[in-house]
Amino acid sequence: IDTVIGYRSGNWTYEWTQKGMFYQKKAKKFALDGDDSAAQKAFYIASQFYSVASYPHLKGDELSIQAQVLAFNNYRESFKYKSQTILKEIKIPFQGKEIICYLHLPQE
């Protein structure tokens, strides 16, 4: 459990989310400049920082859930700039709910 309560400096989710936002902003700038390779890498790095921010996935931790959503969004975004691979989202029914999975395919 985090020793710093609330979304502020020193809080686990806050600190790692800040790093994710830094790379996400870089990725958007690279994309606007037409540098697809740099955009892909920066979106991927952002997704990794957001993923770390989401730990330890405690039930009811809204900040953790928001960080995980940002991680997934940036991960998916990174594949828009990776021409060799296609990312497909697959929804698997499980116990009355759906589990979202990613299928990585080579470009045809």
C-alpha atoms as a PDB file:
ATOM      1  CA  ILE A   1       0.000   0.000   0.000  1.00  0.00           C
ATOM      2  CA  ASP A   2       1.247   3.473  -0.878  1.00  0.00           C
ATOM      3  CA  THR A   3       2.570   5.558   1.996  1.00  0.00           C
ATOM      4  CA  VAL A   4       1.513   8.809   0.276  1.00  0.00           C
ATOM      5  CA  ILE A   5      -2.264   9.097   0.212  1.00  0.00           C
ATOM      6  CA  GLY A   6      -3.951  11.008  -2.588  1.00  0.00           C
ATOM      7  CA  TYR A   7      -2.943  11.822  -6.126  1.00  0.00           C
ATOM      8  CA  ARG A   8       0.045  14.050  -5.419  1.00  0.00           C
ATOM      9  CA  SER A   9       3.827  14.141  -5.504  1.00  0.00           C
ATOM     10  CA  GLY A  10       5.295  11.042  -3.893  1.00  0.00           C
ATOM     11  CA  ASN A  11       2.246   8.861  -4.578  1.00  0.00           C
ATOM     12  CA  TRP A  12       3.136   5.746  -6.611  1.00  0.00           C
ATOM     13  CA  THR A  13       0.428   6.208  -9.234  1.00  0.00           C
ATOM     14  CA  TYR A  14       1.075   9.940  -9.527  1.00  0.00           C
ATOM     15  CA  GLU A  15       4.824   9.598 -10.083  1.00  0.00           C
ATOM     16  CA  TRP A  16       4.602   6.854 -12.707  1.00  0.00           C
ATOM     17  CA  THR A  17       1.660   8.541 -14.454  1.00  0.00           C
ATOM     18  CA  GLN A  18       3.742  11.715 -14.779  1.00  0.00           C
ATOM     19  CA  LYS A  19       6.413   9.729 -16.632  1.00  0.00           C
ATOM     20  CA  GLY A  20       3.745   8.157 -18.831  1.00  0.00           C
ATOM     21  CA  MET A  21       2.291  11.573 -19.682  1.00  0.00           C
ATOM     22  CA  PHE A  22       5.756  12.856 -20.588  1.00  0.00           C
ATOM     23  CA  TYR A  23       6.234  10.094 -23.162  1.00  0.00           C
ATOM     24  CA  GLN A  24       2.653  10.319 -24.387  1.00  0.00           C
ATOM     25  CA  LYS A  25       3.159  14.037 -25.156  1.00  0.00           C
ATOM     26  CA  LYS A  26       6.425  13.222 -26.939  1.00  0.00           C
ATOM     27  CA  ALA A  27       4.644  10.528 -28.956  1.00  0.00           C
ATOM     28  CA  LYS A  28       1.922  12.934 -30.076  1.00  0.00           C
ATOM     29  CA  LYS A  29       4.563  15.470 -31.148  1.00  0.00           C
ATOM     30  CA  PHE A  30       6.463  12.816 -33.090  1.00  0.00           C
ATOM     31  CA  ALA A  31       3.222  11.731 -34.775  1.00  0.00           C
ATOM     32  CA  LEU A  32       2.408  15.311 -35.788  1.00  0.00           C
ATOM     33  CA  ASP A  33       5.928  15.683 -37.176  1.00  0.00           C
ATOM     34  CA  GLY A  34       5.488  12.496 -39.231  1.00  0.00           C
ATOM     35  CA  ASP A  35       8.134  10.510 -37.340  1.00  0.00           C
ATOM     36  CA  ASP A  36       6.187   7.241 -37.102  1.00  0.00           C
ATOM     37  CA  SER A  37       9.039   5.188 -35.675  1.00  0.00           C
ATOM     38  CA  ALA A  38       9.670   7.620 -32.800  1.00  0.00           C
ATOM     39  CA  ALA A  39       5.911   7.966 -32.197  1.00  0.00           C
ATOM     40  CA  GLN A  40       5.508   4.194 -31.980  1.00  0.00           C
ATOM     41  CA  LYS A  41       8.364   3.845 -29.515  1.00  0.00           C
ATOM     42  CA  ALA A  42       7.203   6.768 -27.328  1.00  0.00           C
ATOM     43  CA  PHE A  43       3.591   5.500 -27.188  1.00  0.00           C
ATOM     44  CA  TYR A  44       4.910   2.067 -26.211  1.00  0.00           C
ATOM     45  CA  ILE A  45       7.135   3.505 -23.470  1.00  0.00           C
ATOM     46  CA  ALA A  46       4.202   5.577 -22.190  1.00  0.00           C
ATOM     47  CA  SER A  47       2.102   2.411 -22.003  1.00  0.00           C
ATOM     48  CA  GLN A  48       4.783   0.741 -19.879  1.00  0.00           C
ATOM     49  CA  PHE A  49       4.971   3.641 -17.414  1.00  0.00           C
ATOM     50  CA  TYR A  50       1.183   3.767 -17.127  1.00  0.00           C
ATOM     51  CA  SER A  51       1.128   0.017 -16.552  1.00  0.00           C
ATOM     52  CA  VAL A  52       3.602   0.352 -13.671  1.00  0.00           C
ATOM     53  CA  ALA A  53       1.470   3.222 -12.294  1.00  0.00           C
ATOM     54  CA  SER A  54      -1.536   0.903 -12.152  1.00  0.00           C
ATOM     55  CA  TYR A  55       0.059  -1.574  -9.699  1.00  0.00           C
ATOM     56  CA  PRO A  56      -0.755  -3.241  -7.344  1.00  0.00           C
ATOM     57  CA  HIS A  57      -4.326  -3.417  -8.764  1.00  0.00           C
ATOM     58  CA  LEU A  58      -6.115  -3.127  -5.430  1.00  0.00           C
ATOM     59  CA  LYS A  59      -9.863  -3.552  -5.696  1.00  0.00           C
ATOM     60  CA  GLY A  60     -11.635  -0.181  -5.830  1.00  0.00           C
ATOM     61  CA  ASP A  61      -8.477   1.873  -6.512  1.00  0.00           C
ATOM     62  CA  GLU A  62      -9.793   4.354  -9.107  1.00  0.00           C
ATOM     63  CA  LEU A  63      -6.347   5.856  -9.789  1.00  0.00           C
ATOM     64  CA  SER A  64      -5.005   2.405 -10.575  1.00  0.00           C
ATOM     65  CA  ILE A  65      -7.905   1.709 -12.933  1.00  0.00           C
ATOM     66  CA  GLN A  66      -7.400   5.020 -14.744  1.00  0.00           C
ATOM     67  CA  ALA A  67      -3.680   4.297 -15.154  1.00  0.00           C
ATOM     68  CA  GLN A  68      -4.463   0.861 -16.603  1.00  0.00           C
ATOM     69  CA  VAL A  69      -6.863   2.411 -19.129  1.00  0.00           C
ATOM     70  CA  LEU A  70      -4.118   4.858 -20.163  1.00  0.00           C
ATOM     71  CA  ALA A  71      -1.685   1.938 -20.497  1.00  0.00           C
ATOM     72  CA  PHE A  72      -4.034   0.042 -22.819  1.00  0.00           C
ATOM     73  CA  ASN A  73      -4.828   3.164 -24.873  1.00  0.00           C
ATOM     74  CA  ASN A  74      -1.169   4.004 -25.419  1.00  0.00           C
ATOM     75  CA  TYR A  75      -0.318   0.386 -26.212  1.00  0.00           C
ATOM     76  CA  ARG A  76      -3.029   0.283 -28.888  1.00  0.00           C
ATOM     77  CA  GLU A  77      -1.934   3.687 -30.189  1.00  0.00           C
ATOM     78  CA  SER A  78       1.646   2.463 -30.604  1.00  0.00           C
ATOM     79  CA  PHE A  79       0.466  -0.112 -33.136  1.00  0.00           C
ATOM     80  CA  LYS A  80      -0.948   2.584 -35.421  1.00  0.00           C
ATOM     81  CA  TYR A  81       2.674   3.514 -36.128  1.00  0.00           C
ATOM     82  CA  LYS A  82       4.102   0.004 -36.471  1.00  0.00           C
ATOM     83  CA  SER A  83       3.658  -1.060 -40.075  1.00  0.00           C
ATOM     84  CA  GLN A  84       4.974  -4.618 -39.652  1.00  0.00           C
ATOM     85  CA  THR A  85       2.328  -5.718 -37.145  1.00  0.00           C
ATOM     86  CA  ILE A  86      -1.448  -5.686 -36.855  1.00  0.00           C
ATOM     87  CA  LEU A  87      -3.065  -5.586 -33.418  1.00  0.00           C
ATOM     88  CA  LYS A  88      -6.530  -7.128 -33.163  1.00  0.00           C
ATOM     89  CA  GLU A  89      -8.729  -6.798 -30.111  1.00  0.00           C
ATOM     90  CA  ILE A  90     -10.629  -9.965 -29.251  1.00  0.00           C
ATOM     91  CA  LYS A  91     -13.435 -10.180 -26.694  1.00  0.00           C
ATOM     92  CA  ILE A  92     -13.665 -13.530 -24.921  1.00  0.00           C
ATOM     93  CA  PRO A  93     -16.849 -14.329 -22.956  1.00  0.00           C
ATOM     94  CA  PHE A  94     -16.086 -15.509 -19.425  1.00  0.00           C
ATOM     95  CA  GLN A  95     -18.518 -16.044 -16.537  1.00  0.00           C
ATOM     96  CA  GLY A  96     -21.057 -13.594 -17.929  1.00  0.00           C
ATOM     97  CA  LYS A  97     -18.465 -10.910 -18.700  1.00  0.00           C
ATOM     98  CA  GLU A  98     -15.959 -10.231 -21.461  1.00  0.00           C
ATOM     99  CA  ILE A  99     -12.191 -10.402 -21.252  1.00  0.00           C
ATOM    100  CA  ILE A 100     -10.412  -8.252 -23.828  1.00  0.00           C
ATOM    101  CA  CYS A 101      -7.314  -9.832 -25.339  1.00  0.00           C
ATOM    102  CA  TYR A 102      -4.873  -8.647 -27.975  1.00  0.00           C
ATOM    103  CA  LEU A 103      -3.852 -10.750 -30.946  1.00  0.00           C
ATOM    104  CA  HIS A 104      -0.610  -9.704 -32.656  1.00  0.00           C
ATOM    105  CA  LEU A 105      -0.444 -10.572 -36.363  1.00  0.00           C
ATOM    106  CA  PRO A 106       2.183  -9.972 -39.034  1.00  0.00           C
ATOM    107  CA  GLN A 107       1.254  -7.458 -41.710  1.00  0.00           C
ATOM    108  CA  GLU A 108       0.084  -9.197 -44.898  1.00  0.00           C
END
